[in-house]
N, C-alpha and C. Protein backbone atom coordinates (compact mmCIF):
# COMPACT_ATOMS: atom_id res chain seq x y z
N MET A 1 -12.49 -86.37 -31.89
CA MET A 1 -12.34 -86.38 -33.48
C MET A 1 -13.57 -87.17 -34.13
N GLN A 2 -13.87 -86.10 -35.21
CA GLN A 2 -14.85 -86.98 -36.20
C GLN A 2 -14.53 -87.08 -37.56
N ARG A 3 -14.84 -88.03 -38.28
CA ARG A 3 -14.47 -88.39 -39.63
C ARG A 3 -15.58 -87.90 -40.10
N ARG A 4 -15.29 -86.88 -41.34
CA ARG A 4 -16.18 -86.30 -41.90
C ARG A 4 -16.31 -86.47 -43.47
N THR A 5 -15.72 -87.47 -43.85
CA THR A 5 -15.59 -87.81 -45.43
C THR A 5 -16.46 -88.18 -46.13
N SER A 6 -17.71 -88.73 -45.56
CA SER A 6 -18.93 -88.76 -46.13
C SER A 6 -19.69 -87.70 -46.50
N GLU A 7 -19.69 -86.63 -45.38
CA GLU A 7 -20.14 -85.55 -45.46
C GLU A 7 -19.90 -84.39 -46.55
N VAL A 8 -18.38 -84.45 -46.59
CA VAL A 8 -17.76 -83.77 -47.65
C VAL A 8 -18.11 -84.43 -48.75
N ARG A 9 -18.27 -85.69 -49.16
CA ARG A 9 -18.42 -86.15 -50.49
C ARG A 9 -19.85 -85.76 -50.84
N ALA A 10 -20.78 -86.12 -49.72
CA ALA A 10 -21.91 -85.60 -50.17
C ALA A 10 -22.29 -84.12 -50.44
N SER A 11 -21.57 -83.50 -50.30
CA SER A 11 -21.48 -82.01 -50.64
C SER A 11 -21.02 -81.44 -51.94
N GLY A 12 -20.63 -82.57 -52.59
CA GLY A 12 -20.14 -82.51 -53.95
C GLY A 12 -18.56 -82.25 -54.27
N ARG A 13 -17.98 -82.16 -53.11
CA ARG A 13 -16.47 -81.74 -53.05
C ARG A 13 -15.75 -83.26 -53.41
N THR A 14 -14.81 -82.80 -54.57
CA THR A 14 -14.01 -84.37 -54.81
C THR A 14 -12.49 -83.79 -54.86
N ASP A 15 -12.14 -82.76 -54.89
CA ASP A 15 -10.51 -82.53 -55.04
C ASP A 15 -10.08 -81.61 -54.07
N HIS A 16 -8.98 -81.59 -53.68
CA HIS A 16 -8.46 -80.50 -52.86
C HIS A 16 -7.05 -80.01 -53.49
N VAL A 17 -6.76 -78.81 -53.89
CA VAL A 17 -5.48 -78.04 -54.10
C VAL A 17 -5.23 -77.30 -53.24
N LEU A 18 -3.90 -77.63 -52.85
CA LEU A 18 -3.16 -77.01 -51.90
C LEU A 18 -1.94 -75.94 -52.44
N VAL A 19 -1.86 -75.03 -52.15
CA VAL A 19 -1.10 -74.11 -52.85
C VAL A 19 -0.26 -73.54 -51.64
N CYS A 20 1.38 -73.80 -51.53
CA CYS A 20 2.02 -73.25 -50.48
C CYS A 20 2.23 -71.55 -50.58
N THR A 21 2.07 -71.00 -49.84
CA THR A 21 2.23 -69.54 -49.75
C THR A 21 3.40 -69.08 -48.16
N HIS A 22 3.97 -70.17 -48.11
CA HIS A 22 4.79 -70.11 -46.77
C HIS A 22 5.90 -68.77 -46.81
N ALA A 23 5.97 -68.07 -45.98
CA ALA A 23 7.05 -67.20 -45.96
C ALA A 23 7.92 -67.40 -44.81
N ARG A 24 9.34 -67.19 -44.87
CA ARG A 24 10.33 -67.44 -43.91
C ARG A 24 11.34 -66.46 -43.76
N ASP A 25 11.79 -65.91 -42.63
CA ASP A 25 13.06 -65.15 -42.79
C ASP A 25 14.37 -66.21 -42.72
N SER A 26 14.85 -66.46 -43.89
CA SER A 26 15.94 -67.59 -43.91
C SER A 26 16.52 -67.09 -45.24
N GLU A 27 17.87 -67.84 -45.68
CA GLU A 27 18.51 -67.50 -46.55
C GLU A 27 17.79 -68.56 -47.59
N HIS A 28 17.03 -69.58 -47.10
CA HIS A 28 16.54 -70.40 -48.14
C HIS A 28 15.36 -70.11 -48.80
N ALA A 29 14.78 -70.77 -50.09
CA ALA A 29 13.57 -70.28 -50.80
C ALA A 29 12.50 -70.75 -50.17
N ALA A 30 11.40 -69.90 -50.05
CA ALA A 30 10.07 -70.09 -49.79
C ALA A 30 9.16 -69.46 -50.86
N CYS A 31 7.93 -70.37 -50.93
CA CYS A 31 6.89 -70.04 -51.87
C CYS A 31 6.21 -68.83 -51.81
N ALA A 32 6.35 -68.08 -50.80
CA ALA A 32 5.86 -66.49 -50.72
C ALA A 32 6.68 -65.94 -51.41
N GLY A 33 7.85 -66.15 -51.73
CA GLY A 33 9.02 -65.35 -52.37
C GLY A 33 8.99 -65.53 -53.77
N ALA A 34 8.23 -66.51 -54.25
CA ALA A 34 8.35 -67.19 -55.46
C ALA A 34 6.79 -67.23 -55.99
N ASP A 35 6.32 -66.17 -55.66
CA ASP A 35 5.01 -65.80 -56.16
C ASP A 35 3.54 -66.75 -55.73
N GLY A 36 3.97 -67.39 -54.48
CA GLY A 36 3.01 -68.26 -54.01
C GLY A 36 1.29 -67.52 -53.95
N GLN A 37 1.38 -66.27 -53.49
CA GLN A 37 0.20 -65.90 -53.58
C GLN A 37 -0.26 -65.72 -55.01
N ALA A 38 0.43 -65.07 -55.76
CA ALA A 38 0.00 -65.18 -57.35
C ALA A 38 -0.44 -66.51 -57.92
N VAL A 39 0.18 -67.61 -57.69
CA VAL A 39 -0.16 -68.95 -58.07
C VAL A 39 -1.63 -69.32 -57.14
N TYR A 40 -2.07 -68.96 -55.78
CA TYR A 40 -3.05 -69.52 -55.25
C TYR A 40 -3.97 -68.31 -55.95
N ASP A 41 -3.97 -67.35 -56.38
CA ASP A 41 -5.05 -66.41 -57.06
C ASP A 41 -5.09 -66.91 -58.61
N ALA A 42 -4.41 -67.42 -59.15
CA ALA A 42 -4.36 -68.12 -60.34
C ALA A 42 -5.19 -69.29 -60.41
N VAL A 43 -5.12 -70.19 -59.25
CA VAL A 43 -6.05 -71.24 -59.40
C VAL A 43 -7.29 -71.13 -58.92
N ALA A 44 -7.58 -69.87 -58.20
CA ALA A 44 -9.17 -69.77 -57.61
C ALA A 44 -9.59 -69.08 -59.01
N GLU A 45 -8.89 -68.24 -59.59
CA GLU A 45 -9.49 -67.69 -60.78
C GLU A 45 -10.08 -68.88 -61.93
N TRP A 46 -9.03 -69.85 -61.98
CA TRP A 46 -9.40 -70.79 -63.01
C TRP A 46 -10.56 -71.95 -62.54
N LEU A 47 -10.55 -72.16 -61.46
CA LEU A 47 -11.58 -72.80 -60.72
C LEU A 47 -12.71 -72.24 -60.66
N ARG A 48 -12.76 -70.72 -60.31
CA ARG A 48 -14.06 -69.82 -60.23
C ARG A 48 -14.71 -69.72 -61.76
N ASP A 49 -13.60 -69.50 -62.58
CA ASP A 49 -14.12 -69.36 -63.98
C ASP A 49 -15.01 -70.66 -64.80
N ARG A 50 -14.68 -71.58 -63.92
CA ARG A 50 -15.42 -73.08 -64.48
C ARG A 50 -16.70 -73.58 -63.39
N GLY A 51 -16.89 -72.63 -62.58
CA GLY A 51 -17.94 -72.76 -61.48
C GLY A 51 -17.47 -74.05 -60.74
N VAL A 52 -16.07 -74.33 -60.28
CA VAL A 52 -16.07 -75.71 -59.47
C VAL A 52 -15.42 -75.09 -57.98
N LEU A 53 -14.84 -73.69 -57.99
CA LEU A 53 -14.34 -73.46 -56.54
C LEU A 53 -15.44 -73.43 -55.72
N TRP A 54 -14.97 -74.05 -54.63
CA TRP A 54 -15.55 -74.36 -53.17
C TRP A 54 -16.89 -75.27 -53.31
N SER A 55 -17.21 -75.59 -54.56
CA SER A 55 -18.38 -76.45 -54.83
C SER A 55 -17.44 -77.93 -54.70
N GLU A 56 -17.11 -78.23 -55.86
CA GLU A 56 -16.30 -79.50 -56.25
C GLU A 56 -15.05 -79.21 -55.80
N VAL A 57 -14.36 -78.32 -55.89
CA VAL A 57 -12.95 -78.42 -55.50
C VAL A 57 -12.67 -77.34 -54.72
N GLN A 58 -12.11 -77.84 -53.54
CA GLN A 58 -11.63 -77.05 -52.43
C GLN A 58 -10.10 -76.45 -52.82
N LEU A 59 -9.93 -75.20 -52.17
CA LEU A 59 -8.66 -74.70 -52.54
C LEU A 59 -8.29 -74.26 -51.16
N ALA A 60 -6.66 -74.34 -50.54
CA ALA A 60 -6.35 -73.97 -49.61
C ALA A 60 -4.77 -73.46 -49.62
N GLU A 61 -4.46 -72.32 -48.91
CA GLU A 61 -3.28 -72.10 -48.80
C GLU A 61 -2.72 -72.70 -47.67
N THR A 62 -1.30 -73.17 -47.81
CA THR A 62 -0.61 -73.89 -46.88
C THR A 62 0.61 -73.53 -46.56
N SER A 63 1.13 -73.98 -45.56
CA SER A 63 2.57 -73.66 -44.94
C SER A 63 3.44 -74.47 -45.70
N CYS A 64 4.70 -74.72 -45.64
CA CYS A 64 5.63 -75.51 -46.36
C CYS A 64 5.16 -76.99 -46.81
N LEU A 65 5.39 -77.11 -48.24
CA LEU A 65 5.00 -78.50 -48.68
C LEU A 65 6.40 -79.35 -48.88
N ALA A 66 7.39 -78.68 -48.39
CA ALA A 66 8.85 -79.21 -48.46
C ALA A 66 9.14 -79.47 -50.07
N LEU A 67 8.44 -78.71 -51.02
CA LEU A 67 9.31 -78.46 -52.16
C LEU A 67 9.72 -77.34 -52.67
N CYS A 68 10.53 -76.60 -51.90
CA CYS A 68 11.02 -75.22 -51.80
C CYS A 68 11.88 -74.80 -52.91
N SER A 69 11.61 -73.94 -53.66
CA SER A 69 12.13 -73.53 -54.81
C SER A 69 12.06 -71.95 -55.01
N ALA A 70 13.05 -71.38 -55.42
CA ALA A 70 13.08 -69.85 -55.60
C ALA A 70 12.46 -69.86 -57.20
N ASP A 71 12.37 -70.91 -57.80
CA ASP A 71 11.98 -70.77 -59.11
C ASP A 71 10.29 -70.72 -59.20
N GLY A 72 9.45 -71.21 -58.05
CA GLY A 72 7.94 -71.40 -58.23
C GLY A 72 7.45 -71.84 -57.14
N THR A 73 6.28 -71.80 -56.81
CA THR A 73 5.49 -72.47 -55.78
C THR A 73 5.29 -74.17 -55.90
N ALA A 74 4.88 -74.44 -54.60
CA ALA A 74 4.77 -76.05 -54.44
C ALA A 74 3.08 -76.01 -54.45
N VAL A 75 2.94 -77.05 -55.07
CA VAL A 75 1.21 -77.13 -55.28
C VAL A 75 0.81 -78.83 -55.02
N ALA A 76 0.06 -78.91 -54.37
CA ALA A 76 -0.16 -80.65 -54.13
C ALA A 76 -1.90 -80.53 -54.64
N VAL A 77 -2.28 -81.73 -55.06
CA VAL A 77 -3.57 -81.93 -55.29
C VAL A 77 -3.97 -83.45 -55.01
N HIS A 78 -4.77 -83.13 -54.04
CA HIS A 78 -5.52 -84.65 -53.57
C HIS A 78 -6.77 -84.73 -53.75
N PRO A 79 -7.47 -86.21 -53.62
CA PRO A 79 -6.87 -87.33 -53.58
C PRO A 79 -6.02 -87.88 -54.59
N ARG A 80 -5.85 -87.14 -55.59
CA ARG A 80 -4.98 -87.69 -56.66
C ARG A 80 -3.43 -88.11 -56.19
N GLY A 81 -2.93 -87.31 -55.14
CA GLY A 81 -1.69 -87.50 -54.94
C GLY A 81 -0.54 -87.02 -56.00
N GLU A 82 -0.88 -85.98 -56.42
CA GLU A 82 -0.29 -85.27 -57.24
C GLU A 82 0.43 -84.18 -56.66
N TRP A 83 1.99 -83.78 -56.92
CA TRP A 83 2.77 -82.81 -56.17
C TRP A 83 3.74 -82.14 -57.15
N TYR A 84 3.53 -80.82 -57.19
CA TYR A 84 4.71 -80.02 -58.04
C TYR A 84 5.17 -78.94 -57.38
N SER A 85 6.29 -78.71 -57.76
CA SER A 85 6.88 -77.82 -57.58
C SER A 85 7.39 -76.67 -58.63
N ASP A 86 8.02 -75.42 -58.21
CA ASP A 86 8.48 -74.71 -59.55
C ASP A 86 7.27 -74.23 -60.15
N VAL A 87 5.96 -74.17 -59.62
CA VAL A 87 4.71 -73.73 -60.33
C VAL A 87 4.67 -72.03 -60.37
N THR A 88 4.28 -71.49 -61.65
CA THR A 88 4.23 -70.15 -61.58
C THR A 88 2.76 -69.94 -62.17
N PRO A 89 2.39 -68.52 -61.80
CA PRO A 89 0.99 -68.24 -62.45
C PRO A 89 0.74 -68.87 -63.90
N ALA A 90 1.67 -68.70 -64.77
CA ALA A 90 1.62 -68.63 -66.12
C ALA A 90 1.38 -70.43 -66.41
N ASP A 91 1.67 -71.23 -65.19
CA ASP A 91 1.83 -72.63 -65.66
C ASP A 91 0.38 -73.13 -65.11
N VAL A 92 -0.40 -72.36 -64.14
CA VAL A 92 -1.53 -72.78 -63.77
C VAL A 92 -2.87 -73.29 -64.60
N PRO A 93 -3.14 -72.47 -65.63
CA PRO A 93 -3.99 -73.15 -66.33
C PRO A 93 -3.78 -74.46 -67.45
N ALA A 94 -2.66 -74.85 -67.72
CA ALA A 94 -1.94 -75.94 -68.28
C ALA A 94 -2.04 -76.88 -67.24
N LEU A 95 -1.75 -76.75 -66.12
CA LEU A 95 -1.77 -77.75 -65.00
C LEU A 95 -2.88 -78.12 -64.60
N LEU A 96 -3.91 -77.33 -64.24
CA LEU A 96 -5.20 -77.68 -64.02
C LEU A 96 -5.99 -78.46 -65.11
N GLU A 97 -5.77 -77.74 -66.23
CA GLU A 97 -6.38 -78.51 -67.39
C GLU A 97 -5.83 -79.93 -67.69
N ASP A 98 -4.76 -80.23 -67.43
CA ASP A 98 -4.38 -81.41 -67.52
C ASP A 98 -4.91 -82.38 -66.28
N LEU A 99 -4.95 -82.05 -65.00
CA LEU A 99 -5.66 -82.71 -63.94
C LEU A 99 -7.14 -82.56 -64.10
N PHE A 100 -7.82 -81.64 -64.53
CA PHE A 100 -9.26 -81.76 -64.23
C PHE A 100 -10.24 -81.34 -65.72
N GLY A 101 -9.32 -81.44 -66.81
CA GLY A 101 -9.84 -81.06 -68.15
C GLY A 101 -10.01 -79.73 -68.42
N ALA A 102 -10.49 -79.16 -69.71
CA ALA A 102 -10.54 -77.95 -69.73
C ALA A 102 -11.74 -77.20 -69.19
N ASP A 103 -12.68 -77.90 -69.27
CA ASP A 103 -13.95 -77.24 -68.45
C ASP A 103 -13.98 -77.73 -67.08
N ALA A 104 -13.08 -78.44 -66.33
CA ALA A 104 -12.94 -79.10 -65.26
C ALA A 104 -14.09 -80.21 -65.03
N GLY A 105 -14.17 -80.87 -66.01
CA GLY A 105 -15.13 -81.66 -66.10
C GLY A 105 -14.58 -82.94 -65.49
N ASP A 106 -13.19 -83.55 -65.15
CA ASP A 106 -12.76 -84.54 -64.94
C ASP A 106 -12.46 -84.86 -63.44
N LEU A 107 -13.21 -84.37 -62.74
CA LEU A 107 -13.24 -84.11 -61.18
C LEU A 107 -13.32 -85.40 -60.57
N GLY A 108 -12.61 -85.79 -59.09
CA GLY A 108 -13.19 -86.79 -58.66
C GLY A 108 -12.23 -88.10 -59.00
N ASP A 109 -11.35 -88.15 -60.02
CA ASP A 109 -10.57 -89.14 -60.05
C ASP A 109 -9.69 -89.38 -58.77
N GLY A 110 -9.27 -90.68 -58.51
CA GLY A 110 -8.52 -91.14 -57.40
C GLY A 110 -9.31 -90.64 -56.07
N VAL A 111 -10.30 -90.60 -55.87
CA VAL A 111 -11.18 -90.29 -54.74
C VAL A 111 -11.17 -91.65 -53.69
N ALA A 112 -10.67 -91.28 -52.39
CA ALA A 112 -10.45 -92.31 -51.63
C ALA A 112 -11.85 -93.07 -51.30
N ALA A 113 -11.54 -94.03 -50.49
CA ALA A 113 -12.73 -94.80 -50.27
C ALA A 113 -13.79 -94.24 -49.43
N GLU A 114 -14.92 -94.32 -49.34
CA GLU A 114 -16.08 -94.25 -48.45
C GLU A 114 -15.69 -94.74 -46.99
N ASP A 115 -16.32 -93.80 -45.90
CA ASP A 115 -16.02 -94.17 -44.62
C ASP A 115 -16.61 -95.76 -44.31
């Protein structure tokens, strides 16, 4: 096992957005059926438009974040420790603007300690 926190920080990455796109064959809600991929795409577009996707902000599709709902997708933002449920594609701009600022200039808040 290698701890690579310093390497990641040195590359300029400060935040990580996790978007659930989990699908399951079940009677219970799953984010794939609640526009999970569309939410992921909306997050990517918002970050890309501000020039921070894959440079300062890492984006990842995840399996279940345990905030299942038929009304929207689960999203977590770390290291801020922010968790959201019921996120729709239309919610993404306001959500990310609230977290990162309109121009994504508020990055790095809540970053964990160095190695």
